[in-house]
Amino acid sequence: MSIQVKFFASLREKLGQADMELTTASTALDAWNQATQNKPVPDNLLVAINLDYAKLNTPVQDGDEVAFFPPVTGG
């Protein structure tokens, strides 16, 4: 099993890593906990699985890409 985890923007800077590969995870939250060594989940965390917005309790499968990023603003 292979799950790609990616961190964007300020999360990347705060965690000191851009991406990693996990061999197992049951949900996006499980992927977060493994990838961050159980760091607290930020209040406004956004999650995408395979480029689609998802929730932390969304199941992940072999080959999925799980992305975590802060809220996006623009102007």
N, C-alpha and C. Protein backbone atom coordinates (compact mmCIF):
# COMPACT_ATOMS: atom_id res chain seq x y z
N MET A 1 0.84 -1.18 0.00
CA MET A 1 0.00 0.00 0.00
C MET A 1 0.88 1.23 0.00
N SER A 2 0.47 2.24 -0.75
CA SER A 2 1.22 3.49 -0.83
C SER A 2 0.25 4.66 -0.87
N ILE A 3 0.39 5.58 0.08
CA ILE A 3 -0.43 6.78 0.14
C ILE A 3 0.52 7.97 0.17
N GLN A 4 0.35 8.88 -0.80
CA GLN A 4 1.17 10.08 -0.86
C GLN A 4 0.51 11.18 -0.04
N VAL A 5 1.26 11.79 0.85
CA VAL A 5 0.76 12.89 1.68
C VAL A 5 1.53 14.14 1.30
N LYS A 6 0.79 15.23 1.06
CA LYS A 6 1.41 16.50 0.68
C LYS A 6 0.93 17.61 1.59
N PHE A 7 1.84 18.53 1.90
CA PHE A 7 1.53 19.70 2.73
C PHE A 7 1.81 20.95 1.91
N PHE A 8 0.93 21.93 2.01
CA PHE A 8 1.07 23.14 1.21
C PHE A 8 1.11 24.39 2.07
N ALA A 9 1.69 25.43 1.49
CA ALA A 9 1.74 26.78 2.05
C ALA A 9 2.33 26.78 3.46
N SER A 10 1.64 27.45 4.40
CA SER A 10 2.20 27.60 5.75
C SER A 10 2.33 26.27 6.49
N LEU A 11 1.52 25.28 6.13
CA LEU A 11 1.68 23.96 6.76
C LEU A 11 3.03 23.36 6.41
N ARG A 12 3.43 23.50 5.16
CA ARG A 12 4.73 22.99 4.71
C ARG A 12 5.84 23.63 5.53
N GLU A 13 5.75 24.94 5.70
CA GLU A 13 6.78 25.65 6.46
C GLU A 13 6.77 25.26 7.93
N LYS A 14 5.57 25.17 8.51
CA LYS A 14 5.44 24.85 9.93
C LYS A 14 5.93 23.43 10.24
N LEU A 15 5.62 22.49 9.36
CA LEU A 15 6.00 21.09 9.59
C LEU A 15 7.40 20.76 9.09
N GLY A 16 7.94 21.61 8.23
CA GLY A 16 9.28 21.39 7.72
C GLY A 16 9.38 20.26 6.71
N GLN A 17 8.25 19.95 6.06
CA GLN A 17 8.26 18.92 5.02
C GLN A 17 7.17 19.21 4.00
N ALA A 18 7.43 18.83 2.77
CA ALA A 18 6.48 19.07 1.70
C ALA A 18 5.62 17.85 1.41
N ASP A 19 6.22 16.68 1.54
CA ASP A 19 5.47 15.46 1.24
C ASP A 19 6.13 14.25 1.87
N MET A 20 5.39 13.17 1.88
CA MET A 20 5.92 11.90 2.37
C MET A 20 5.03 10.78 1.87
N GLU A 21 5.53 9.59 1.97
CA GLU A 21 4.77 8.41 1.56
C GLU A 21 4.49 7.55 2.78
N LEU A 22 3.23 7.12 2.92
CA LEU A 22 2.84 6.23 3.99
C LEU A 22 2.53 4.85 3.41
N THR A 23 2.75 3.84 4.20
CA THR A 23 2.45 2.49 3.72
C THR A 23 1.05 2.05 4.12
N THR A 24 0.44 2.77 5.06
CA THR A 24 -0.92 2.43 5.47
C THR A 24 -1.56 3.63 6.14
N ALA A 25 -2.86 3.77 5.96
CA ALA A 25 -3.67 4.77 6.65
C ALA A 25 -5.12 4.43 6.36
N SER A 26 -5.97 4.61 7.34
CA SER A 26 -7.38 4.26 7.14
C SER A 26 -8.22 5.47 6.72
N THR A 27 -7.87 6.65 7.23
CA THR A 27 -8.61 7.87 6.90
C THR A 27 -7.62 9.01 6.68
N ALA A 28 -8.14 10.15 6.24
CA ALA A 28 -7.28 11.32 6.08
C ALA A 28 -6.70 11.74 7.43
N LEU A 29 -7.50 11.63 8.50
CA LEU A 29 -6.99 11.97 9.83
C LEU A 29 -5.87 11.03 10.25
N ASP A 30 -6.01 9.76 9.96
CA ASP A 30 -4.95 8.80 10.26
C ASP A 30 -3.69 9.16 9.49
N ALA A 31 -3.84 9.58 8.23
CA ALA A 31 -2.69 10.01 7.43
C ALA A 31 -2.04 11.24 8.06
N TRP A 32 -2.85 12.21 8.51
CA TRP A 32 -2.32 13.40 9.18
C TRP A 32 -1.52 12.99 10.41
N ASN A 33 -2.12 12.16 11.25
CA ASN A 33 -1.46 11.76 12.49
C ASN A 33 -0.13 11.04 12.25
N GLN A 34 -0.10 10.17 11.28
CA GLN A 34 1.15 9.46 10.97
C GLN A 34 2.20 10.41 10.39
N ALA A 35 1.77 11.25 9.47
CA ALA A 35 2.71 12.13 8.77
C ALA A 35 3.26 13.22 9.67
N THR A 36 2.48 13.64 10.67
CA THR A 36 2.91 14.73 11.54
C THR A 36 3.32 14.26 12.93
N GLN A 37 3.35 12.97 13.14
CA GLN A 37 3.65 12.39 14.45
C GLN A 37 2.68 12.92 15.51
N ASN A 38 1.39 12.89 15.14
CA ASN A 38 0.28 13.26 16.03
C ASN A 38 0.25 14.71 16.47
N LYS A 39 0.72 15.61 15.62
CA LYS A 39 0.59 17.04 15.94
C LYS A 39 -0.89 17.42 15.90
N PRO A 40 -1.29 18.43 16.66
CA PRO A 40 -2.69 18.86 16.65
C PRO A 40 -3.12 19.30 15.24
N VAL A 41 -4.36 19.01 14.93
CA VAL A 41 -4.92 19.40 13.63
C VAL A 41 -5.31 20.88 13.71
N PRO A 42 -4.81 21.72 12.78
CA PRO A 42 -5.21 23.14 12.79
C PRO A 42 -6.72 23.28 12.62
N ASP A 43 -7.27 24.33 13.21
CA ASP A 43 -8.72 24.55 13.20
C ASP A 43 -9.31 24.61 11.79
N ASN A 44 -8.68 25.29 10.89
CA ASN A 44 -9.25 25.51 9.56
C ASN A 44 -8.62 24.64 8.49
N LEU A 45 -8.10 23.51 8.86
CA LEU A 45 -7.40 22.65 7.92
C LEU A 45 -8.31 22.20 6.78
N LEU A 46 -7.82 22.31 5.56
CA LEU A 46 -8.53 21.78 4.39
C LEU A 46 -7.84 20.51 3.94
N VAL A 47 -8.64 19.58 3.43
CA VAL A 47 -8.13 18.29 3.01
C VAL A 47 -8.63 18.00 1.61
N ALA A 48 -7.77 17.43 0.79
CA ALA A 48 -8.20 16.95 -0.53
C ALA A 48 -7.63 15.55 -0.71
N ILE A 49 -8.46 14.68 -1.26
CA ILE A 49 -8.01 13.34 -1.61
C ILE A 49 -8.17 13.20 -3.11
N ASN A 50 -7.06 12.96 -3.79
CA ASN A 50 -7.05 12.86 -5.25
C ASN A 50 -7.69 14.09 -5.89
N LEU A 51 -7.32 15.27 -5.38
CA LEU A 51 -7.73 16.58 -5.90
C LEU A 51 -9.18 16.95 -5.62
N ASP A 52 -9.90 16.17 -4.84
CA ASP A 52 -11.28 16.49 -4.46
C ASP A 52 -11.31 16.81 -2.97
N TYR A 53 -12.00 17.92 -2.61
CA TYR A 53 -12.13 18.24 -1.19
C TYR A 53 -12.72 17.06 -0.44
N ALA A 54 -12.23 16.87 0.77
CA ALA A 54 -12.68 15.74 1.59
C ALA A 54 -12.71 16.17 3.05
N LYS A 55 -13.21 15.28 3.89
CA LYS A 55 -13.23 15.50 5.33
C LYS A 55 -12.17 14.62 5.97
N LEU A 56 -11.81 14.94 7.19
CA LEU A 56 -10.78 14.16 7.88
C LEU A 56 -11.18 12.71 8.09
N ASN A 57 -12.48 12.43 8.16
CA ASN A 57 -12.90 11.05 8.38
C ASN A 57 -13.10 10.27 7.07
N THR A 58 -12.73 10.87 5.94
CA THR A 58 -12.85 10.20 4.65
C THR A 58 -11.83 9.07 4.55
N PRO A 59 -12.27 7.88 4.17
CA PRO A 59 -11.33 6.76 4.03
C PRO A 59 -10.33 7.02 2.88
N VAL A 60 -9.13 6.49 3.05
CA VAL A 60 -8.13 6.55 1.98
C VAL A 60 -7.79 5.13 1.56
N GLN A 61 -7.33 5.02 0.31
CA GLN A 61 -7.02 3.72 -0.26
C GLN A 61 -5.63 3.74 -0.88
N ASP A 62 -5.16 2.57 -1.19
CA ASP A 62 -3.87 2.41 -1.85
C ASP A 62 -3.84 3.28 -3.10
N GLY A 63 -2.77 4.04 -3.26
CA GLY A 63 -2.59 4.89 -4.43
C GLY A 63 -3.15 6.29 -4.30
N ASP A 64 -3.84 6.58 -3.20
CA ASP A 64 -4.42 7.91 -3.02
C ASP A 64 -3.35 8.96 -2.72
N GLU A 65 -3.68 10.20 -3.07
CA GLU A 65 -2.89 11.36 -2.69
C GLU A 65 -3.73 12.18 -1.73
N VAL A 66 -3.20 12.41 -0.54
CA VAL A 66 -3.91 13.19 0.48
C VAL A 66 -3.15 14.49 0.66
N ALA A 67 -3.84 15.60 0.42
CA ALA A 67 -3.21 16.92 0.53
C ALA A 67 -3.84 17.69 1.67
N PHE A 68 -3.00 18.37 2.43
CA PHE A 68 -3.44 19.20 3.55
C PHE A 68 -2.99 20.61 3.28
N PHE A 69 -3.90 21.57 3.47
CA PHE A 69 -3.53 22.97 3.23
C PHE A 69 -4.40 23.89 4.06
N PRO A 70 -3.88 25.10 4.33
CA PRO A 70 -4.66 26.08 5.08
C PRO A 70 -5.74 26.68 4.18
N PRO A 71 -6.70 27.39 4.79
CA PRO A 71 -7.72 28.04 3.96
C PRO A 71 -7.07 28.94 2.92
N VAL A 72 -7.68 28.98 1.76
CA VAL A 72 -7.14 29.76 0.63
C VAL A 72 -7.90 31.06 0.53
N THR A 73 -7.16 32.15 0.41
CA THR A 73 -7.79 33.46 0.19
C THR A 73 -7.18 34.06 -1.06
N GLY A 74 -7.86 34.96 -1.62
CA GLY A 74 -7.34 35.59 -2.83
C GLY A 74 -7.91 36.99 -2.97
N GLY A 75 -7.42 37.63 -3.97
CA GLY A 75 -7.91 38.99 -4.16
C GLY A 75 -7.48 39.55 -5.45
